[in-house]
């Protein structure tokens, strides 16, 4: 049976990127994205729904996102869904599903005299870079929920 795990999102960051490093020195950044959806309800009234999504980027891509992105900035994310589990401080098992960024494109950038255009960042992701033990996961993922 065929399978596909592909996510395409355009939204705005709800807060500044959160860059951390794993104990072996691998950069990982959490991006919190708000994606809006406009629709008409049964009465024809225009409504808006917002979905908040956690996106993670790794390695050089994480460092570049941290350098150029800030709260409110629009971004295009191409990636895949990833689930992970860890044990919380309270001893309870925690689970989450987030988007693992494979491509991050910065939108709406207006360069100033002090800044240079932000690069498009894409990288080949190696599965071994995803493997964190639960203690590392808990360290870098704190605060990922709104």
Protein backbone atom coordinates (compact mmCIF):
# COMPACT_ATOMS: atom_id res chain seq x y z
CA UNK A 1 0.00 0.00 0.00
CA UNK A 2 1.30 3.44 -0.90
CA UNK A 3 1.77 6.11 1.75
CA UNK A 4 2.52 9.82 1.77
CA UNK A 5 3.51 12.16 4.57
CA UNK A 6 3.71 15.70 3.14
CA UNK A 7 2.67 19.00 4.71
CA UNK A 8 2.53 22.43 3.03
CA UNK A 9 1.79 25.45 5.24
CA UNK A 10 1.82 29.22 4.95
CA UNK A 11 1.36 31.19 8.14
CA UNK A 12 2.82 33.73 10.54
CA UNK A 13 5.13 33.07 13.47
CA UNK A 14 3.39 33.61 16.80
CA UNK A 15 6.70 34.12 18.63
CA UNK A 16 10.41 34.40 17.99
CA UNK A 17 12.22 31.14 17.08
CA UNK A 18 13.52 29.03 19.97
CA UNK A 19 17.00 27.74 19.07
CA UNK A 20 18.58 24.99 21.16
CA UNK A 21 21.38 22.50 20.71
CA UNK A 22 21.29 18.81 21.51
CA UNK A 23 24.10 17.50 23.74
CA UNK A 24 25.99 16.39 20.61
CA UNK A 25 25.84 19.95 19.18
CA UNK A 26 23.03 19.57 16.63
CA UNK A 27 20.99 22.76 16.22
CA UNK A 28 17.21 22.50 16.48
CA UNK A 29 14.71 25.35 16.36
CA UNK A 30 11.04 25.39 17.29
CA UNK A 31 8.81 27.65 15.25
CA UNK A 32 5.23 28.29 16.36
CA UNK A 33 3.05 28.96 13.33
CA UNK A 34 -0.48 30.38 13.11
CA UNK A 35 -2.36 29.30 9.99
CA UNK A 36 -5.66 31.07 9.34
CA UNK A 37 -8.67 29.69 7.48
CA UNK A 38 -11.56 31.85 6.33
CA UNK A 39 -14.93 30.29 5.57
CA UNK A 40 -18.64 31.03 5.52
CA UNK A 41 -20.86 29.33 8.07
CA UNK A 42 -24.37 27.98 7.37
CA UNK A 43 -25.86 31.46 7.67
CA UNK A 44 -23.37 32.89 5.16
CA UNK A 45 -21.46 34.83 7.80
CA UNK A 46 -17.70 35.04 7.19
CA UNK A 47 -15.75 33.26 9.96
CA UNK A 48 -12.06 32.78 10.65
CA UNK A 49 -10.40 29.83 12.33
CA UNK A 50 -6.75 29.73 13.41
CA UNK A 51 -4.68 26.59 13.79
CA UNK A 52 -1.46 26.77 15.86
CA UNK A 53 1.24 24.37 14.71
CA UNK A 54 4.71 23.60 16.04
CA UNK A 55 7.39 23.25 13.36
CA UNK A 56 10.93 22.00 14.00
CA UNK A 57 13.93 22.60 11.79
CA UNK A 58 17.38 21.11 12.26
CA UNK A 59 21.08 21.81 11.62
CA UNK A 60 22.03 24.79 9.42
CA UNK A 61 18.38 25.33 8.55
CA UNK A 62 17.63 25.83 12.28
CA UNK A 63 20.42 28.37 12.69
CA UNK A 64 19.35 30.37 9.62
CA UNK A 65 15.70 30.40 10.77
CA UNK A 66 16.82 31.68 14.16
CA UNK A 67 18.96 34.38 12.53
CA UNK A 68 16.36 35.77 10.10
CA UNK A 69 12.90 35.01 11.50
CA UNK A 70 10.97 36.81 14.19
CA UNK A 71 7.45 36.97 15.61
CA UNK A 72 4.86 37.97 13.02
CA UNK A 73 6.97 36.98 10.02
CA UNK A 74 5.15 35.04 7.27
CA UNK A 75 6.77 31.76 6.18
CA UNK A 76 6.13 28.86 3.83
CA UNK A 77 6.90 25.45 5.34
CA UNK A 78 7.21 22.19 3.44
CA UNK A 79 7.73 19.13 5.58
CA UNK A 80 6.25 16.03 7.10
CA UNK A 81 4.30 15.11 10.20
CA UNK A 82 6.35 13.61 12.99
CA UNK A 83 5.14 12.20 16.29
CA UNK A 84 7.26 11.86 19.38
CA UNK A 85 6.84 10.81 23.00
CA UNK A 86 8.68 11.67 26.19
CA UNK A 87 8.21 11.51 29.91
CA UNK A 88 7.34 14.84 31.49
CA UNK A 89 8.72 16.24 34.72
CA UNK A 90 5.60 14.95 36.48
CA UNK A 91 6.36 11.40 35.27
CA UNK A 92 3.45 11.34 32.83
CA UNK A 93 3.98 10.13 29.28
CA UNK A 94 3.53 13.00 26.80
CA UNK A 95 2.89 12.77 23.05
CA UNK A 96 2.85 15.36 20.33
CA UNK A 97 2.58 15.61 16.58
CA UNK A 98 4.50 18.39 14.89
CA UNK A 99 5.81 19.31 11.45
CA UNK A 100 9.42 18.46 10.66
CA UNK A 101 10.54 21.15 8.19
CA UNK A 102 12.28 19.98 5.06
CA UNK A 103 12.05 23.39 3.39
CA UNK A 104 11.53 26.83 4.90
CA UNK A 105 10.95 29.82 2.68
CA UNK A 106 10.82 33.29 4.19
CA UNK A 107 7.98 35.44 2.85
CA UNK A 108 7.41 39.19 2.91
CA UNK A 109 11.05 40.12 3.52
CA UNK A 110 11.91 43.77 3.01
CA UNK A 111 15.69 44.25 3.17
CA UNK A 112 17.01 47.38 4.87
CA UNK A 113 20.41 48.98 4.49
CA UNK A 114 21.58 47.02 7.56
CA UNK A 115 20.32 43.61 6.48
CA UNK A 116 20.74 41.33 3.52
CA UNK A 117 18.05 39.19 1.91
CA UNK A 118 17.33 36.03 3.83
CA UNK A 119 18.35 32.87 2.00
CA UNK A 120 16.05 30.04 1.04
CA UNK A 121 17.05 27.12 3.25
CA UNK A 122 16.61 23.53 2.21
CA UNK A 123 18.58 20.51 3.25
CA UNK A 124 18.61 16.78 2.95
CA UNK A 125 17.53 15.36 6.28
CA UNK A 126 19.16 12.25 7.66
CA UNK A 127 16.99 10.08 9.86
CA UNK A 128 19.72 9.65 12.49
CA UNK A 129 19.48 13.38 13.23
CA UNK A 130 15.90 12.85 14.39
CA UNK A 131 16.84 10.29 17.02
CA UNK A 132 16.84 11.94 20.42
CA UNK A 133 16.41 10.11 23.65
CA UNK A 134 13.46 11.25 25.76
CA UNK A 135 15.58 13.45 28.06
CA UNK A 136 16.96 15.44 25.12
CA UNK A 137 13.45 15.73 23.66
CA UNK A 138 12.07 17.11 26.89
CA UNK A 139 14.86 19.71 27.12
CA UNK A 140 14.43 21.31 23.71
CA UNK A 141 10.66 20.96 23.44
CA UNK A 142 9.73 22.88 26.60
CA UNK A 143 7.31 25.64 25.85
CA UNK A 144 6.27 24.31 22.47
CA UNK A 145 2.56 24.47 23.30
CA UNK A 146 0.54 27.66 23.46
